[in-house]
Amino acid sequence: MKKRTFTKEEKLKILNEVESEGLNLTLSKYGIYPASYYSWKEKFDQMGDSGFDHGMKKEHIKRIRQLEKENAMLKKIVAEKELEGQLQQELLKKKFLLEKKKK
């Protein structure tokens, strides 16, 4: 069997067609192996349309995941700093109220 390559548009069309007509029917219609379909679906789910662009290899995916982890860590740090700032403000308010009551 000759290897066939699909364009980005064809892959997107097939992914949409699977949702409407069913997996087995669509794959047999186009002569696609289920492994190929699931590979396309995973790329689409992870990166959208850009997952089908030329050059999106495992190294790029790995780098993207690394950046996503770093981004999540930075968001967590910012959230912790924000919470810390709010707690400090609350303590200052309580301290101010206690000093005011003493007077």
N, C-alpha and C. Protein backbone atom coordinates (compact mmCIF):
# COMPACT_ATOMS: atom_id res chain seq x y z
N MET A 1 0.84 -1.18 0.00
CA MET A 1 0.00 0.00 0.00
C MET A 1 0.89 1.24 0.00
N LYS A 2 0.61 2.15 -0.89
CA LYS A 2 1.39 3.37 -1.02
C LYS A 2 1.04 4.33 0.12
N LYS A 3 2.08 4.95 0.67
CA LYS A 3 1.87 5.91 1.75
C LYS A 3 1.28 7.19 1.18
N ARG A 4 0.19 7.63 1.78
CA ARG A 4 -0.47 8.85 1.35
C ARG A 4 -0.28 9.91 2.41
N THR A 5 0.00 11.11 1.98
CA THR A 5 0.11 12.22 2.92
C THR A 5 -1.12 13.11 2.79
N PHE A 6 -1.58 13.58 3.91
CA PHE A 6 -2.76 14.43 3.94
C PHE A 6 -2.34 15.85 4.29
N THR A 7 -3.01 16.80 3.70
CA THR A 7 -2.74 18.19 4.02
C THR A 7 -3.39 18.54 5.35
N LYS A 8 -3.02 19.69 5.87
CA LYS A 8 -3.59 20.17 7.13
C LYS A 8 -5.11 20.26 7.03
N GLU A 9 -5.60 20.79 5.92
CA GLU A 9 -7.04 20.96 5.73
C GLU A 9 -7.75 19.61 5.68
N GLU A 10 -7.12 18.63 4.99
CA GLU A 10 -7.72 17.30 4.91
C GLU A 10 -7.79 16.64 6.28
N LYS A 11 -6.75 16.80 7.06
CA LYS A 11 -6.74 16.22 8.40
C LYS A 11 -7.84 16.84 9.27
N LEU A 12 -7.98 18.16 9.19
CA LEU A 12 -9.04 18.83 9.96
C LEU A 12 -10.42 18.37 9.51
N LYS A 13 -10.58 18.21 8.20
CA LYS A 13 -11.86 17.75 7.66
C LYS A 13 -12.18 16.35 8.16
N ILE A 14 -11.16 15.48 8.18
CA ILE A 14 -11.37 14.10 8.65
C ILE A 14 -11.70 14.09 10.14
N LEU A 15 -11.00 14.90 10.93
CA LEU A 15 -11.30 14.97 12.37
C LEU A 15 -12.74 15.41 12.61
N ASN A 16 -13.20 16.40 11.85
CA ASN A 16 -14.58 16.86 12.01
C ASN A 16 -15.57 15.81 11.52
N GLU A 17 -15.21 15.12 10.45
CA GLU A 17 -16.10 14.11 9.89
C GLU A 17 -16.27 12.92 10.84
N VAL A 18 -15.21 12.59 11.57
CA VAL A 18 -15.30 11.49 12.54
C VAL A 18 -16.35 11.81 13.60
N GLU A 19 -16.39 13.07 14.03
CA GLU A 19 -17.36 13.47 15.05
C GLU A 19 -18.79 13.34 14.54
N SER A 20 -19.01 13.63 13.26
CA SER A 20 -20.37 13.61 12.74
C SER A 20 -20.79 12.24 12.21
N GLU A 21 -19.88 11.51 11.58
CA GLU A 21 -20.25 10.25 10.93
C GLU A 21 -19.78 9.01 11.65
N GLY A 22 -18.88 9.14 12.59
CA GLY A 22 -18.39 7.98 13.31
C GLY A 22 -16.98 7.61 12.88
N LEU A 23 -16.27 6.96 13.79
CA LEU A 23 -14.86 6.65 13.59
C LEU A 23 -14.63 5.62 12.51
N ASN A 24 -15.24 4.44 12.65
CA ASN A 24 -14.96 3.34 11.71
C ASN A 24 -15.34 3.69 10.28
N LEU A 25 -16.47 4.30 10.10
CA LEU A 25 -16.94 4.64 8.76
C LEU A 25 -15.99 5.63 8.08
N THR A 26 -15.60 6.65 8.81
CA THR A 26 -14.71 7.68 8.24
C THR A 26 -13.33 7.12 7.94
N LEU A 27 -12.77 6.33 8.86
CA LEU A 27 -11.44 5.78 8.64
C LEU A 27 -11.41 4.83 7.45
N SER A 28 -12.42 4.02 7.32
CA SER A 28 -12.46 3.10 6.16
C SER A 28 -12.69 3.87 4.87
N LYS A 29 -13.45 4.94 4.92
CA LYS A 29 -13.71 5.77 3.73
C LYS A 29 -12.41 6.34 3.16
N TYR A 30 -11.52 6.81 4.04
CA TYR A 30 -10.28 7.43 3.61
C TYR A 30 -9.08 6.48 3.64
N GLY A 31 -9.26 5.27 4.16
CA GLY A 31 -8.18 4.31 4.24
C GLY A 31 -7.10 4.71 5.23
N ILE A 32 -7.53 5.18 6.37
CA ILE A 32 -6.61 5.65 7.40
C ILE A 32 -6.58 4.64 8.54
N TYR A 33 -5.40 4.40 9.07
CA TYR A 33 -5.27 3.53 10.23
C TYR A 33 -5.70 4.29 11.48
N PRO A 34 -6.29 3.57 12.43
CA PRO A 34 -6.71 4.24 13.67
C PRO A 34 -5.56 4.94 14.40
N ALA A 35 -4.36 4.36 14.34
CA ALA A 35 -3.21 4.98 15.00
C ALA A 35 -2.92 6.36 14.41
N SER A 36 -3.06 6.48 13.10
CA SER A 36 -2.84 7.78 12.46
C SER A 36 -3.89 8.78 12.92
N TYR A 37 -5.14 8.34 12.97
CA TYR A 37 -6.22 9.23 13.42
C TYR A 37 -5.97 9.71 14.84
N TYR A 38 -5.62 8.78 15.73
CA TYR A 38 -5.42 9.17 17.13
C TYR A 38 -4.20 10.07 17.30
N SER A 39 -3.20 9.87 16.46
CA SER A 39 -2.04 10.76 16.48
C SER A 39 -2.44 12.17 16.06
N TRP A 40 -3.24 12.28 15.00
CA TRP A 40 -3.73 13.59 14.55
C TRP A 40 -4.57 14.24 15.63
N LYS A 41 -5.45 13.44 16.24
CA LYS A 41 -6.36 13.97 17.25
C LYS A 41 -5.57 14.50 18.46
N GLU A 42 -4.54 13.75 18.86
CA GLU A 42 -3.72 14.20 19.99
C GLU A 42 -3.00 15.50 19.67
N LYS A 43 -2.43 15.61 18.47
CA LYS A 43 -1.76 16.84 18.06
C LYS A 43 -2.75 18.00 18.05
N PHE A 44 -3.95 17.75 17.52
CA PHE A 44 -4.96 18.80 17.45
C PHE A 44 -5.41 19.22 18.84
N ASP A 45 -5.61 18.25 19.73
CA ASP A 45 -6.05 18.56 21.09
C ASP A 45 -4.99 19.35 21.85
N GLN A 46 -3.72 19.02 21.62
CA GLN A 46 -2.64 19.68 22.35
C GLN A 46 -2.34 21.07 21.82
N MET A 47 -2.33 21.22 20.47
CA MET A 47 -1.84 22.47 19.90
C MET A 47 -2.79 23.12 18.91
N GLY A 48 -3.94 22.54 18.67
CA GLY A 48 -4.87 23.11 17.71
C GLY A 48 -4.36 22.94 16.29
N ASP A 49 -4.73 23.88 15.43
CA ASP A 49 -4.34 23.81 14.02
C ASP A 49 -2.82 23.80 13.83
N SER A 50 -2.11 24.49 14.70
CA SER A 50 -0.65 24.60 14.53
C SER A 50 0.05 23.26 14.74
N GLY A 51 -0.64 22.30 15.33
CA GLY A 51 -0.06 20.98 15.52
C GLY A 51 0.21 20.27 14.22
N PHE A 52 -0.49 20.67 13.17
CA PHE A 52 -0.32 20.04 11.86
C PHE A 52 0.69 20.78 10.98
N ASP A 53 1.19 21.90 11.46
CA ASP A 53 2.17 22.64 10.67
C ASP A 53 3.46 21.85 10.57
N HIS A 54 4.14 22.07 9.49
CA HIS A 54 5.42 21.40 9.28
C HIS A 54 6.40 21.89 10.33
N GLY A 55 7.12 20.97 10.92
CA GLY A 55 8.12 21.35 11.89
C GLY A 55 7.69 21.16 13.33
N MET A 56 6.45 20.82 13.59
CA MET A 56 6.02 20.58 14.96
C MET A 56 6.39 19.14 15.33
N LYS A 57 7.57 18.98 15.81
CA LYS A 57 8.10 17.66 16.15
C LYS A 57 8.09 17.49 17.66
N LYS A 58 8.54 16.32 18.09
CA LYS A 58 8.53 16.01 19.51
C LYS A 58 9.34 17.02 20.33
N GLU A 59 10.43 17.52 19.75
CA GLU A 59 11.25 18.49 20.47
C GLU A 59 10.46 19.77 20.74
N HIS A 60 9.69 20.19 19.74
CA HIS A 60 8.88 21.40 19.92
C HIS A 60 7.79 21.17 20.97
N ILE A 61 7.18 20.02 20.90
CA ILE A 61 6.13 19.69 21.87
C ILE A 61 6.71 19.65 23.27
N LYS A 62 7.90 19.05 23.39
CA LYS A 62 8.56 18.97 24.69
C LYS A 62 8.86 20.37 25.23
N ARG A 63 9.34 21.25 24.36
CA ARG A 63 9.64 22.63 24.76
C ARG A 63 8.37 23.37 25.18
N ILE A 64 7.30 23.16 24.44
CA ILE A 64 6.03 23.80 24.78
C ILE A 64 5.55 23.34 26.15
N ARG A 65 5.63 22.04 26.40
CA ARG A 65 5.21 21.51 27.70
C ARG A 65 6.08 22.08 28.83
N GLN A 66 7.38 22.19 28.57
CA GLN A 66 8.28 22.76 29.56
C GLN A 66 7.89 24.20 29.88
N LEU A 67 7.60 24.97 28.84
CA LEU A 67 7.19 26.36 29.03
C LEU A 67 5.84 26.45 29.76
N GLU A 68 4.94 25.52 29.47
CA GLU A 68 3.65 25.51 30.17
C GLU A 68 3.84 25.23 31.65
N LYS A 69 4.74 24.29 31.98
CA LYS A 69 5.02 24.00 33.39
C LYS A 69 5.62 25.22 34.08
N GLU A 70 6.55 25.87 33.40
CA GLU A 70 7.19 27.06 33.95
C GLU A 70 6.15 28.17 34.16
N ASN A 71 5.26 28.32 33.20
CA ASN A 71 4.20 29.33 33.30
C ASN A 71 3.29 29.04 34.49
N ALA A 72 2.93 27.77 34.67
CA ALA A 72 2.08 27.40 35.80
C ALA A 72 2.77 27.69 37.13
N MET A 73 4.08 27.41 37.19
CA MET A 73 4.84 27.66 38.40
C MET A 73 4.89 29.16 38.70
N LEU A 74 5.10 29.97 37.66
CA LEU A 74 5.14 31.42 37.86
C LEU A 74 3.79 31.96 38.30
N LYS A 75 2.71 31.43 37.74
CA LYS A 75 1.37 31.85 38.16
C LYS A 75 1.15 31.52 39.63
N LYS A 76 1.63 30.35 40.05
CA LYS A 76 1.48 29.95 41.45
C LYS A 76 2.25 30.90 42.36
N ILE A 77 3.46 31.26 41.94
CA ILE A 77 4.28 32.18 42.74
C ILE A 77 3.58 33.54 42.87
N VAL A 78 3.04 34.04 41.77
CA VAL A 78 2.34 35.33 41.79
C VAL A 78 1.13 35.25 42.71
N ALA A 79 0.39 34.14 42.64
CA ALA A 79 -0.79 33.99 43.50
C ALA A 79 -0.39 33.95 44.97
N GLU A 80 0.72 33.25 45.28
CA GLU A 80 1.19 33.20 46.67
C GLU A 80 1.61 34.59 47.16
N LYS A 81 2.29 35.34 46.31
CA LYS A 81 2.71 36.69 46.70
C LYS A 81 1.49 37.59 46.92
N GLU A 82 0.49 37.45 46.08
CA GLU A 82 -0.73 38.23 46.24
C GLU A 82 -1.41 37.90 47.56
N LEU A 83 -1.50 36.61 47.87
CA LEU A 83 -2.10 36.17 49.12
C LEU A 83 -1.30 36.69 50.32
N GLU A 84 0.01 36.64 50.21
CA GLU A 84 0.88 37.13 51.27
C GLU A 84 0.65 38.63 51.49
N GLY A 85 0.51 39.38 50.41
CA GLY A 85 0.25 40.82 50.52
C GLY A 85 -1.09 41.10 51.19
N GLN A 86 -2.10 40.32 50.84
CA GLN A 86 -3.42 40.51 51.46
C GLN A 86 -3.37 40.20 52.95
N LEU A 87 -2.65 39.15 53.32
CA LEU A 87 -2.53 38.80 54.74
C LEU A 87 -1.80 39.90 55.51
N GLN A 88 -0.77 40.47 54.91
CA GLN A 88 -0.05 41.56 55.56
C GLN A 88 -0.96 42.77 55.76
N GLN A 89 -1.78 43.07 54.77
CA GLN A 89 -2.72 44.19 54.89
C GLN A 89 -3.72 43.95 56.01
N GLU A 90 -4.22 42.72 56.11
CA GLU A 90 -5.17 42.40 57.17
C GLU A 90 -4.51 42.54 58.54
N LEU A 91 -3.27 42.07 58.67
CA LEU A 91 -2.57 42.20 59.95
C LEU A 91 -2.35 43.66 60.32
N LEU A 92 -2.01 44.47 59.34
CA LEU A 92 -1.81 45.90 59.60
C LEU A 92 -3.12 46.55 60.04
N LYS A 93 -4.22 46.17 59.42
CA LYS A 93 -5.52 46.73 59.81
C LYS A 93 -5.86 46.34 61.24
N LYS A 94 -5.62 45.07 61.58
CA LYS A 94 -5.92 44.62 62.94
C LYS A 94 -5.04 45.35 63.95
N LYS A 95 -3.76 45.50 63.61
CA LYS A 95 -2.84 46.21 64.50
C LYS A 95 -3.28 47.65 64.68
N PHE A 96 -3.68 48.29 63.59
CA PHE A 96 -4.13 49.67 63.66
C PHE A 96 -5.39 49.79 64.51
N LEU A 97 -6.34 48.84 64.36
CA LEU A 97 -7.55 48.87 65.15
C LEU A 97 -7.28 48.64 66.62
N LEU A 98 -6.33 47.74 66.94
CA LEU A 98 -5.97 47.49 68.34
C LEU A 98 -5.33 48.73 68.97
N GLU A 99 -4.46 49.40 68.23
CA GLU A 99 -3.83 50.60 68.75
C GLU A 99 -4.86 51.72 68.95
N LYS A 100 -5.83 51.76 68.06
CA LYS A 100 -6.86 52.79 68.15
C LYS A 100 -7.76 52.56 69.38
N LYS A 101 -8.05 51.27 69.66
CA LYS A 101 -8.88 50.96 70.82
C LYS A 101 -8.16 51.28 72.14
N LYS A 102 -6.82 51.12 72.15
CA LYS A 102 -6.06 51.39 73.37
C LYS A 102 -6.08 52.87 73.72
N LYS A 103 -6.20 53.73 72.74
CA LYS A 103 -6.17 55.17 72.98
C LYS A 103 -7.45 55.68 73.48
